[in-house]
Every structure is written in structure tokens, then in C-alpha cells.
């Protein structure tokens, strides 16, 4: 979707493949390092990664080798961007692994991961463009807001699911009421931005993508409104992460 918002030049075919592989590597390594820490919550995700740790480490190695090979096919601008962003991600994972369980710096996890994830998706496209429009910037802001909304919502839901041993996060530090208020205002801002984009541009695809981003945020708000239902069988995770497939509907 980010690539189609500007059709100045085609996006290199290897870009989304490498991006997908690297996202898998970052998230998997982050979780595999988590299970090495003492007093980690016994969630289904932690149990899964602990049970299949050897297989997942092998998967990470295979994905890393494949991503490295594909890097030779990428444009130079993407490689330079990836080196910088990859270095930041590696530093983040290393710092999180070494910090104590309730270190104040861990409160940056939700906003920082949202920024890094959004930068990887949109930045890998933008470095292949000669110019970036204001509409694209607005939709990046919407996507960034959705990524943060997703992460903060998950932190709140995890706190409700494991009230006795929640992971240290903005939800545990700010409290559920404050987080709920922030999530509501974030939803309102994202939807308002999407509607504004629809009025400011005549590009039909940009309008459709803005509406889809607004629907992504609204879906996350629906999870927030009905926590009891979505806590069962961790439904909030399936739908909450599933919203990032919604843009495929406008392609």
C-alpha cells in the first residue's frame, strides 16, 4: 500500500521480502531473549518460544541467510537505509535484554517499536522515491498511530489477562484508565486524519487507503470496547495483529 501511494518509480521486488524476513527475525529474537530472563510471565507465547526455541533459532538463521543473499539485489539507497535502521534495532534488542525487569527505559518500548516498525515499512519505500507528498506523510502518521495503538492496547489487555504478573509497560505505569483515554483520543485523531485526507486529495487510491487505515484504528478500538470477549483465547491478538493485513484489501 505504501508503495502504490506514489507511482513515480517501481519498488524493487526484493524490498518487501527482505522487510518481512527482518521483521520476523527481530520479533522472534526479541521473544527468544525474553524467555532467558528470570521471572518472565508464563504466557502462551513465552511457553511456545521456550518449547520450540531450538527450531526457532534455526528459523532465524535461515531467514537471516536468505535476507543477506537478497540484499545483493536491493538498490543502494535501501541498503544504506537498512544498515542504519538495522543498527538501531540491534541496539534496541541488546539494551532491552540487558536492562533490569522494571527499568524506566523499558517504558519506551511501545512508542519506540511503533516508530521502528513504521520506519521499516515506509522508509524502505521512500528511499526509492525522488519526492514524498504531504498525503503520504499524513498516512505514515496514521500508520504510526495505529502501530502505537496496537502495542498499547496489547499492553492493557495483557495486564487484564495476567493481573498478578503483568509485564512492565506503559499500561502498568499509567494505569488502565489513563491508557483507555489515550487510546480513545488516538482513534479519534487517526479517523479524523483519514477523513481529512479524503477531502484534500483526488487520488482515489489515497482515499481508499486512508479509509482503510481509519478502519484499522476503529477495529482496534472495538477490541478496547469489549475486552471480556477478546480476552478469551487471546482473540485480541489474532484480530489486533490481523489489522495489518487490512491494507491488502485496497491493492
C-alpha atoms as a PDB file:
ATOM      1  CA  UNK A   1       0.000   0.000   0.000  1.00  0.00           C
ATOM      2  CA  UNK A   2       2.820   2.375   0.873  1.00  0.00           C
ATOM      3  CA  UNK A   3       4.431   1.629  -2.482  1.00  0.00           C
ATOM      4  CA  UNK A   4       1.250   2.282  -4.503  1.00  0.00           C
ATOM      5  CA  UNK A   5       0.623   5.667  -2.893  1.00  0.00           C
ATOM      6  CA  UNK A   6       3.322   7.071  -5.180  1.00  0.00           C
ATOM      7  CA  UNK A   7       3.875   5.578  -8.621  1.00  0.00           C
ATOM      8  CA  UNK A   8       6.942   7.606  -9.621  1.00  0.00           C
ATOM      9  CA  UNK A   9       9.165   4.534  -9.906  1.00  0.00           C
ATOM     10  CA  UNK A  10       8.553   0.825  -9.299  1.00  0.00           C
ATOM     11  CA  UNK A  11       9.583  -0.567  -5.924  1.00  0.00           C
ATOM     12  CA  UNK A  12      12.274  -3.234  -6.158  1.00  0.00           C
ATOM     13  CA  UNK A  13      10.813  -6.742  -5.881  1.00  0.00           C
ATOM     14  CA  UNK A  14      13.216  -7.824  -3.105  1.00  0.00           C
ATOM     15  CA  UNK A  15      12.223  -4.969  -0.764  1.00  0.00           C
ATOM     16  CA  UNK A  16       9.044  -6.478   0.766  1.00  0.00           C
ATOM     17  CA  UNK A  17      10.629  -9.948   1.024  1.00  0.00           C
ATOM     18  CA  UNK A  18      13.661  -8.686   2.935  1.00  0.00           C
ATOM     19  CA  UNK A  19      11.435  -6.485   5.089  1.00  0.00           C
ATOM     20  CA  UNK A  20       9.216  -9.443   6.019  1.00  0.00           C
ATOM     21  CA  UNK A  21      12.212 -11.640   6.842  1.00  0.00           C
ATOM     22  CA  UNK A  22      13.825  -8.981   9.018  1.00  0.00           C
ATOM     23  CA  UNK A  23      10.592  -8.250  10.909  1.00  0.00           C
ATOM     24  CA  UNK A  24      10.305 -11.987  11.630  1.00  0.00           C
ATOM     25  CA  UNK A  25      13.924 -12.075  12.820  1.00  0.00           C
ATOM     26  CA  UNK A  26      13.538  -9.051  15.131  1.00  0.00           C
ATOM     27  CA  UNK A  27      10.306 -10.210  16.765  1.00  0.00           C
ATOM     28  CA  UNK A  28      11.483 -13.813  17.167  1.00  0.00           C
ATOM     29  CA  UNK A  29      14.897 -12.933  18.596  1.00  0.00           C
ATOM     30  CA  UNK A  30      13.276 -10.435  20.950  1.00  0.00           C
ATOM     31  CA  UNK A  31      10.980 -13.167  22.316  1.00  0.00           C
ATOM     32  CA  UNK A  32      13.745 -15.801  22.454  1.00  0.00           C
ATOM     33  CA  UNK A  33      15.845 -13.426  24.542  1.00  0.00           C
ATOM     34  CA  UNK A  34      12.826 -12.699  26.735  1.00  0.00           C
ATOM     35  CA  UNK A  35      12.481 -16.328  27.799  1.00  0.00           C
ATOM     36  CA  UNK A  36      16.060 -16.285  29.108  1.00  0.00           C
ATOM     37  CA  UNK A  37      15.174 -13.656  31.678  1.00  0.00           C
ATOM     38  CA  UNK A  38      14.150 -14.751  35.165  1.00  0.00           C
ATOM     39  CA  UNK A  39      10.557 -14.217  36.341  1.00  0.00           C
ATOM     40  CA  UNK A  40       9.101 -13.879  32.850  1.00  0.00           C
ATOM     41  CA  UNK A  41       5.283 -14.287  32.661  1.00  0.00           C
ATOM     42  CA  UNK A  42       4.211 -17.810  31.692  1.00  0.00           C
ATOM     43  CA  UNK A  43       2.101 -16.674  28.743  1.00  0.00           C
ATOM     44  CA  UNK A  44       1.222 -18.951  25.827  1.00  0.00           C
ATOM     45  CA  UNK A  45       3.692 -17.006  23.667  1.00  0.00           C
ATOM     46  CA  UNK A  46       6.530 -17.480  26.140  1.00  0.00           C
ATOM     47  CA  UNK A  47       5.729 -21.187  26.501  1.00  0.00           C
ATOM     48  CA  UNK A  48       5.652 -21.620  22.724  1.00  0.00           C
ATOM     49  CA  UNK A  49       9.029 -19.926  22.234  1.00  0.00           C
ATOM     50  CA  UNK A  50      10.522 -21.856  25.140  1.00  0.00           C
ATOM     51  CA  UNK A  51       9.243 -25.189  23.802  1.00  0.00           C
ATOM     52  CA  UNK A  52      10.426 -24.595  20.231  1.00  0.00           C
ATOM     53  CA  UNK A  53      13.481 -22.459  20.975  1.00  0.00           C
ATOM     54  CA  UNK A  54      15.916 -24.638  19.011  1.00  0.00           C
ATOM     55  CA  UNK A  55      13.664 -24.756  15.949  1.00  0.00           C
ATOM     56  CA  UNK A  56      13.026 -21.009  16.117  1.00  0.00           C
ATOM     57  CA  UNK A  57      16.739 -20.206  16.394  1.00  0.00           C
ATOM     58  CA  UNK A  58      17.340 -22.322  13.274  1.00  0.00           C
ATOM     59  CA  UNK A  59      14.499 -20.488  11.517  1.00  0.00           C
ATOM     60  CA  UNK A  60      16.082 -17.167  12.437  1.00  0.00           C
ATOM     61  CA  UNK A  61      19.423 -18.283  10.998  1.00  0.00           C
ATOM     62  CA  UNK A  62      17.800 -19.448   7.736  1.00  0.00           C
ATOM     63  CA  UNK A  63      15.839 -16.190   7.462  1.00  0.00           C
ATOM     64  CA  UNK A  64      18.995 -14.161   8.141  1.00  0.00           C
ATOM     65  CA  UNK A  65      20.984 -16.007   5.462  1.00  0.00           C
ATOM     66  CA  UNK A  66      18.184 -15.587   2.925  1.00  0.00           C
ATOM     67  CA  UNK A  67      17.800 -11.886   3.766  1.00  0.00           C
ATOM     68  CA  UNK A  68      21.573 -11.395   3.432  1.00  0.00           C
ATOM     69  CA  UNK A  69      21.576 -13.012  -0.023  1.00  0.00           C
ATOM     70  CA  UNK A  70      18.633 -10.891  -1.178  1.00  0.00           C
ATOM     71  CA  UNK A  71      20.415  -7.741  -0.001  1.00  0.00           C
ATOM     72  CA  UNK A  72      22.699  -8.058  -3.030  1.00  0.00           C
ATOM     73  CA  UNK A  73      19.663  -7.462  -5.248  1.00  0.00           C
ATOM     74  CA  UNK A  74      18.449  -4.359  -3.404  1.00  0.00           C
ATOM     75  CA  UNK A  75      19.066  -0.764  -4.529  1.00  0.00           C
ATOM     76  CA  UNK A  76      21.910   1.018  -2.759  1.00  0.00           C
ATOM     77  CA  UNK A  77      19.549   3.505  -1.108  1.00  0.00           C
ATOM     78  CA  UNK A  78      17.614   0.696   0.574  1.00  0.00           C
ATOM     79  CA  UNK A  79      20.808  -0.996   1.778  1.00  0.00           C
ATOM     80  CA  UNK A  80      22.099   2.235   3.349  1.00  0.00           C
ATOM     81  CA  UNK A  81      18.737   2.855   5.000  1.00  0.00           C
ATOM     82  CA  UNK A  82      18.612  -0.745   6.229  1.00  0.00           C
ATOM     83  CA  UNK A  83      22.086  -0.576   7.762  1.00  0.00           C
ATOM     84  CA  UNK A  84      21.115   2.476   9.817  1.00  0.00           C
ATOM     85  CA  UNK A  85      17.699   1.150  10.875  1.00  0.00           C
ATOM     86  CA  UNK A  86      19.079  -2.341  11.452  1.00  0.00           C
ATOM     87  CA  UNK A  87      21.780  -0.956  13.721  1.00  0.00           C
ATOM     88  CA  UNK A  88      19.166   0.904  15.755  1.00  0.00           C
ATOM     89  CA  UNK A  89      17.016  -2.244  16.049  1.00  0.00           C
ATOM     90  CA  UNK A  90      20.002  -4.345  17.114  1.00  0.00           C
ATOM     91  CA  UNK A  91      20.944  -1.753  19.741  1.00  0.00           C
ATOM     92  CA  UNK A  92      17.337  -1.722  20.979  1.00  0.00           C
ATOM     93  CA  UNK A  93      17.164  -5.521  21.351  1.00  0.00           C
ATOM     94  CA  UNK A  94      20.551  -5.610  23.084  1.00  0.00           C
ATOM     95  CA  UNK A  95      19.544  -2.855  25.514  1.00  0.00           C
ATOM     96  CA  UNK A  96      16.171  -4.438  26.337  1.00  0.00           C
ATOM     97  CA  UNK A  97      17.856  -7.794  27.021  1.00  0.00           C
ATOM     98  CA  UNK A  98      20.374  -6.261  29.429  1.00  0.00           C
ATOM     99  CA  UNK A  99      18.118  -3.857  31.329  1.00  0.00           C
ATOM    100  CA  UNK A 100      16.518  -4.918  34.632  1.00  0.00           C
ATOM    101  CA  UNK A 101      12.887  -6.049  34.528  1.00  0.00           C
ATOM    102  CA  UNK A 102      11.410  -2.714  35.695  1.00  0.00           C
ATOM    103  CA  UNK A 103      13.932  -0.237  34.334  1.00  0.00           C
ATOM    104  CA  UNK A 104      12.274   3.116  33.388  1.00  0.00           C
ATOM    105  CA  UNK A 105      13.777   2.943  29.896  1.00  0.00           C
ATOM    106  CA  UNK A 106      11.557  -0.072  29.156  1.00  0.00           C
ATOM    107  CA  UNK A 107       8.575   2.280  29.148  1.00  0.00           C
ATOM    108  CA  UNK A 108       9.812   3.481  25.754  1.00  0.00           C
ATOM    109  CA  UNK A 109       9.181   0.014  24.300  1.00  0.00           C
ATOM    110  CA  UNK A 110       5.693   0.674  22.886  1.00  0.00           C
ATOM    111  CA  UNK A 111       6.401   4.036  21.193  1.00  0.00           C
ATOM    112  CA  UNK A 112       9.891   3.021  20.058  1.00  0.00           C
ATOM    113  CA  UNK A 113       8.778  -0.260  18.474  1.00  0.00           C
ATOM    114  CA  UNK A 114       5.940   1.604  16.719  1.00  0.00           C
ATOM    115  CA  UNK A 115       8.451   4.091  15.286  1.00  0.00           C
ATOM    116  CA  UNK A 116      10.918   1.407  14.169  1.00  0.00           C
ATOM    117  CA  UNK A 117       8.209  -0.743  12.582  1.00  0.00           C
ATOM    118  CA  UNK A 118       6.664   2.206  10.732  1.00  0.00           C
ATOM    119  CA  UNK A 119      10.090   3.421   9.622  1.00  0.00           C
ATOM    120  CA  UNK A 120      10.896  -0.002   8.175  1.00  0.00           C
ATOM    121  CA  UNK A 121       7.654  -0.206   6.174  1.00  0.00           C
ATOM    122  CA  UNK A 122       7.508   3.361   4.854  1.00  0.00           C
ATOM    123  CA  UNK A 123      11.198   4.240   4.872  1.00  0.00           C
ATOM    124  CA  UNK A 124      12.174   1.314   2.653  1.00  0.00           C
ATOM    125  CA  UNK A 125       9.717   2.692   0.079  1.00  0.00           C
ATOM    126  CA  UNK A 126      10.506   6.375   0.462  1.00  0.00           C
ATOM    127  CA  UNK A 127      14.262   5.995  -0.066  1.00  0.00           C
ATOM    128  CA  UNK A 128      13.388   4.712  -3.559  1.00  0.00           C
ATOM    129  CA  UNK A 129      11.325   7.830  -4.345  1.00  0.00           C
ATOM    130  CA  UNK A 130      12.557  11.190  -5.654  1.00  0.00           C
ATOM    131  CA  UNK A 131       9.851  13.034  -3.684  1.00  0.00           C
ATOM    132  CA  UNK A 132       7.348  12.426  -0.865  1.00  0.00           C
ATOM    133  CA  UNK A 133       3.931  14.064  -0.840  1.00  0.00           C
ATOM    134  CA  UNK A 134       2.102  15.512   2.130  1.00  0.00           C
ATOM    135  CA  UNK A 135      -0.616  12.868   1.696  1.00  0.00           C
ATOM    136  CA  UNK A 136       1.972  10.117   2.116  1.00  0.00           C
ATOM    137  CA  UNK A 137       3.307  11.797   5.252  1.00  0.00           C
ATOM    138  CA  UNK A 138      -0.220  12.025   6.660  1.00  0.00           C
ATOM    139  CA  UNK A 139      -0.780   8.339   6.023  1.00  0.00           C
ATOM    140  CA  UNK A 140       2.555   7.480   7.634  1.00  0.00           C
ATOM    141  CA  UNK A 141       1.373   9.424  10.704  1.00  0.00           C
ATOM    142  CA  UNK A 142      -1.851   7.381  10.675  1.00  0.00           C
ATOM    143  CA  UNK A 143       0.081   4.114  10.360  1.00  0.00           C
ATOM    144  CA  UNK A 144       2.430   5.129  13.171  1.00  0.00           C
ATOM    145  CA  UNK A 145      -0.563   5.941  15.360  1.00  0.00           C
ATOM    146  CA  UNK A 146      -2.097   2.539  14.586  1.00  0.00           C
ATOM    147  CA  UNK A 147       1.138   0.716  15.414  1.00  0.00           C
ATOM    148  CA  UNK A 148       1.338   2.507  18.768  1.00  0.00           C
ATOM    149  CA  UNK A 149      -2.382   1.928  19.376  1.00  0.00           C
ATOM    150  CA  UNK A 150      -1.854  -1.784  18.721  1.00  0.00           C
ATOM    151  CA  UNK A 151       1.070  -2.066  21.135  1.00  0.00           C
ATOM    152  CA  UNK A 152      -0.513  -0.017  23.930  1.00  0.00           C
ATOM    153  CA  UNK A 153      -3.796  -1.937  23.562  1.00  0.00           C
ATOM    154  CA  UNK A 154      -1.915  -5.236  23.839  1.00  0.00           C
ATOM    155  CA  UNK A 155      -0.158  -3.993  26.975  1.00  0.00           C
ATOM    156  CA  UNK A 156      -3.527  -3.115  28.530  1.00  0.00           C
ATOM    157  CA  UNK A 157      -5.041  -6.467  27.563  1.00  0.00           C
ATOM    158  CA  UNK A 158      -2.028  -8.367  28.929  1.00  0.00           C
ATOM    159  CA  UNK A 159      -2.381  -6.506  32.222  1.00  0.00           C
ATOM    160  CA  UNK A 160      -6.034  -7.582  32.417  1.00  0.00           C
ATOM    161  CA  UNK A 161      -5.212 -11.139  31.371  1.00  0.00           C
ATOM    162  CA  UNK A 162      -2.394 -11.528  33.919  1.00  0.00           C
ATOM    163  CA  UNK A 163      -3.283  -9.163  36.782  1.00  0.00           C
ATOM    164  CA  UNK A 164      -0.918 -10.916  39.159  1.00  0.00           C
ATOM    165  CA  UNK A 165       2.204 -10.774  36.975  1.00  0.00           C
ATOM    166  CA  UNK A 166       1.828  -8.263  34.144  1.00  0.00           C
ATOM    167  CA  UNK A 167       4.821  -7.292  32.033  1.00  0.00           C
ATOM    168  CA  UNK A 168       6.295  -3.889  32.866  1.00  0.00           C
ATOM    169  CA  UNK A 169       4.831  -1.461  30.341  1.00  0.00           C
ATOM    170  CA  UNK A 170       3.031   1.842  29.913  1.00  0.00           C
ATOM    171  CA  UNK A 171      -0.151   0.035  30.958  1.00  0.00           C
ATOM    172  CA  UNK A 172       1.279  -0.914  34.353  1.00  0.00           C
ATOM    173  CA  UNK A 173       2.870   2.515  34.839  1.00  0.00           C
ATOM    174  CA  UNK A 174      -0.005   4.745  33.673  1.00  0.00           C
ATOM    175  CA  UNK A 175      -2.925   2.548  34.662  1.00  0.00           C
ATOM    176  CA  UNK A 176      -5.784   1.217  32.554  1.00  0.00           C
ATOM    177  CA  UNK A 177      -7.995   4.310  32.813  1.00  0.00           C
ATOM    178  CA  UNK A 178      -5.335   6.674  31.505  1.00  0.00           C
ATOM    179  CA  UNK A 179      -4.378   4.258  28.716  1.00  0.00           C
ATOM    180  CA  UNK A 180      -8.030   3.814  27.711  1.00  0.00           C
ATOM    181  CA  UNK A 181      -8.429   7.584  27.453  1.00  0.00           C
ATOM    182  CA  UNK A 182      -5.284   7.877  25.338  1.00  0.00           C
ATOM    183  CA  UNK A 183      -6.427   5.052  23.062  1.00  0.00           C
ATOM    184  CA  UNK A 184      -9.819   6.705  22.508  1.00  0.00           C
ATOM    185  CA  UNK A 185      -8.258  10.037  21.574  1.00  0.00           C
ATOM    186  CA  UNK A 186      -5.734   8.272  19.350  1.00  0.00           C
ATOM    187  CA  UNK A 187      -8.570   6.538  17.487  1.00  0.00           C
ATOM    188  CA  UNK A 188     -10.375   9.841  17.067  1.00  0.00           C
ATOM    189  CA  UNK A 189      -7.223  11.550  15.727  1.00  0.00           C
ATOM    190  CA  UNK A 190      -6.494   8.755  13.231  1.00  0.00           C
ATOM    191  CA  UNK A 191     -10.053   8.685  11.893  1.00  0.00           C
ATOM    192  CA  UNK A 192     -10.148  12.494  11.668  1.00  0.00           C
ATOM    193  CA  UNK A 193      -6.852  12.459   9.744  1.00  0.00           C
ATOM    194  CA  UNK A 194      -8.195   9.821   7.359  1.00  0.00           C
ATOM    195  CA  UNK A 195     -11.332  11.834   6.616  1.00  0.00           C
ATOM    196  CA  UNK A 196      -9.251  14.983   6.120  1.00  0.00           C
ATOM    197  CA  UNK A 197      -7.005  13.165   3.637  1.00  0.00           C
ATOM    198  CA  UNK A 198     -10.092  12.071   1.672  1.00  0.00           C
ATOM    199  CA  UNK A 199     -11.150  15.709   1.275  1.00  0.00           C
ATOM    200  CA  UNK A 200      -7.663  17.022   0.457  1.00  0.00           C
ATOM    201  CA  UNK A 201      -6.762  14.625  -2.345  1.00  0.00           C
ATOM    202  CA  UNK A 202      -8.426  13.489  -5.546  1.00  0.00           C
ATOM    203  CA  UNK A 203      -6.258  10.379  -5.754  1.00  0.00           C
ATOM    204  CA  UNK A 204      -8.756   7.517  -5.442  1.00  0.00           C
ATOM    205  CA  UNK A 205      -6.192   5.062  -4.135  1.00  0.00           C
ATOM    206  CA  UNK A 206      -5.020   7.526  -1.487  1.00  0.00           C
ATOM    207  CA  UNK A 207      -8.637   7.982  -0.420  1.00  0.00           C
ATOM    208  CA  UNK A 208      -9.232   4.236  -0.191  1.00  0.00           C
ATOM    209  CA  UNK A 209      -6.032   3.667   1.761  1.00  0.00           C
ATOM    210  CA  UNK A 210      -6.886   6.499   4.183  1.00  0.00           C
ATOM    211  CA  UNK A 211     -10.299   4.928   4.811  1.00  0.00           C
ATOM    212  CA  UNK A 212      -8.679   1.524   5.330  1.00  0.00           C
ATOM    213  CA  UNK A 213      -6.220   2.962   7.860  1.00  0.00           C
ATOM    214  CA  UNK A 214      -9.134   4.558   9.692  1.00  0.00           C
ATOM    215  CA  UNK A 215     -10.924   1.175   9.744  1.00  0.00           C
ATOM    216  CA  UNK A 216      -7.789  -0.452  11.166  1.00  0.00           C
ATOM    217  CA  UNK A 217      -7.815   2.014  14.057  1.00  0.00           C
ATOM    218  CA  UNK A 218     -11.573   1.601  14.539  1.00  0.00           C
ATOM    219  CA  UNK A 219     -11.146  -2.187  14.723  1.00  0.00           C
ATOM    220  CA  UNK A 220      -8.554  -1.803  17.473  1.00  0.00           C
ATOM    221  CA  UNK A 221     -10.963   0.499  19.286  1.00  0.00           C
ATOM    222  CA  UNK A 222     -13.617  -2.231  19.039  1.00  0.00           C
ATOM    223  CA  UNK A 223     -11.256  -4.609  20.850  1.00  0.00           C
ATOM    224  CA  UNK A 224     -10.741  -1.967  23.519  1.00  0.00           C
ATOM    225  CA  UNK A 225     -14.506  -1.515  23.977  1.00  0.00           C
ATOM    226  CA  UNK A 226     -15.215  -5.225  24.504  1.00  0.00           C
ATOM    227  CA  UNK A 227     -12.220  -6.582  26.452  1.00  0.00           C
ATOM    228  CA  UNK A 228     -14.048  -9.519  28.065  1.00  0.00           C
ATOM    229  CA  UNK A 229     -14.890 -11.058  24.694  1.00  0.00           C
ATOM    230  CA  UNK A 230     -11.482 -10.502  23.116  1.00  0.00           C
ATOM    231  CA  UNK A 231      -9.537 -11.756  26.138  1.00  0.00           C
ATOM    232  CA  UNK A 232     -10.968 -15.248  25.607  1.00  0.00           C
ATOM    233  CA  UNK A 233      -8.445 -17.448  23.793  1.00  0.00           C
ATOM    234  CA  UNK A 234      -6.363 -14.293  23.193  1.00  0.00           C
ATOM    235  CA  UNK A 235      -8.712 -13.206  20.396  1.00  0.00           C
ATOM    236  CA  UNK A 236      -7.369  -9.681  20.718  1.00  0.00           C
ATOM    237  CA  UNK A 237      -4.002 -10.870  19.426  1.00  0.00           C
ATOM    238  CA  UNK A 238      -5.422 -12.512  16.311  1.00  0.00           C
ATOM    239  CA  UNK A 239      -7.566  -9.545  15.349  1.00  0.00           C
ATOM    240  CA  UNK A 240      -5.236  -6.880  16.747  1.00  0.00           C
ATOM    241  CA  UNK A 241      -2.307  -8.070  14.638  1.00  0.00           C
ATOM    242  CA  UNK A 242      -4.635  -9.099  11.830  1.00  0.00           C
ATOM    243  CA  UNK A 243      -5.498  -5.457  11.133  1.00  0.00           C
ATOM    244  CA  UNK A 244      -2.106  -5.062   9.488  1.00  0.00           C
ATOM    245  CA  UNK A 245      -3.386  -7.316   6.694  1.00  0.00           C
ATOM    246  CA  UNK A 246      -6.298  -4.956   6.016  1.00  0.00           C
ATOM    247  CA  UNK A 247      -4.319  -2.808   3.504  1.00  0.00           C
ATOM    248  CA  UNK A 248      -4.221  -5.843   1.188  1.00  0.00           C
ATOM    249  CA  UNK A 249      -7.941  -5.234   0.624  1.00  0.00           C
ATOM    250  CA  UNK A 250      -7.247  -1.973  -1.236  1.00  0.00           C
ATOM    251  CA  UNK A 251      -4.488  -3.275  -3.507  1.00  0.00           C
END
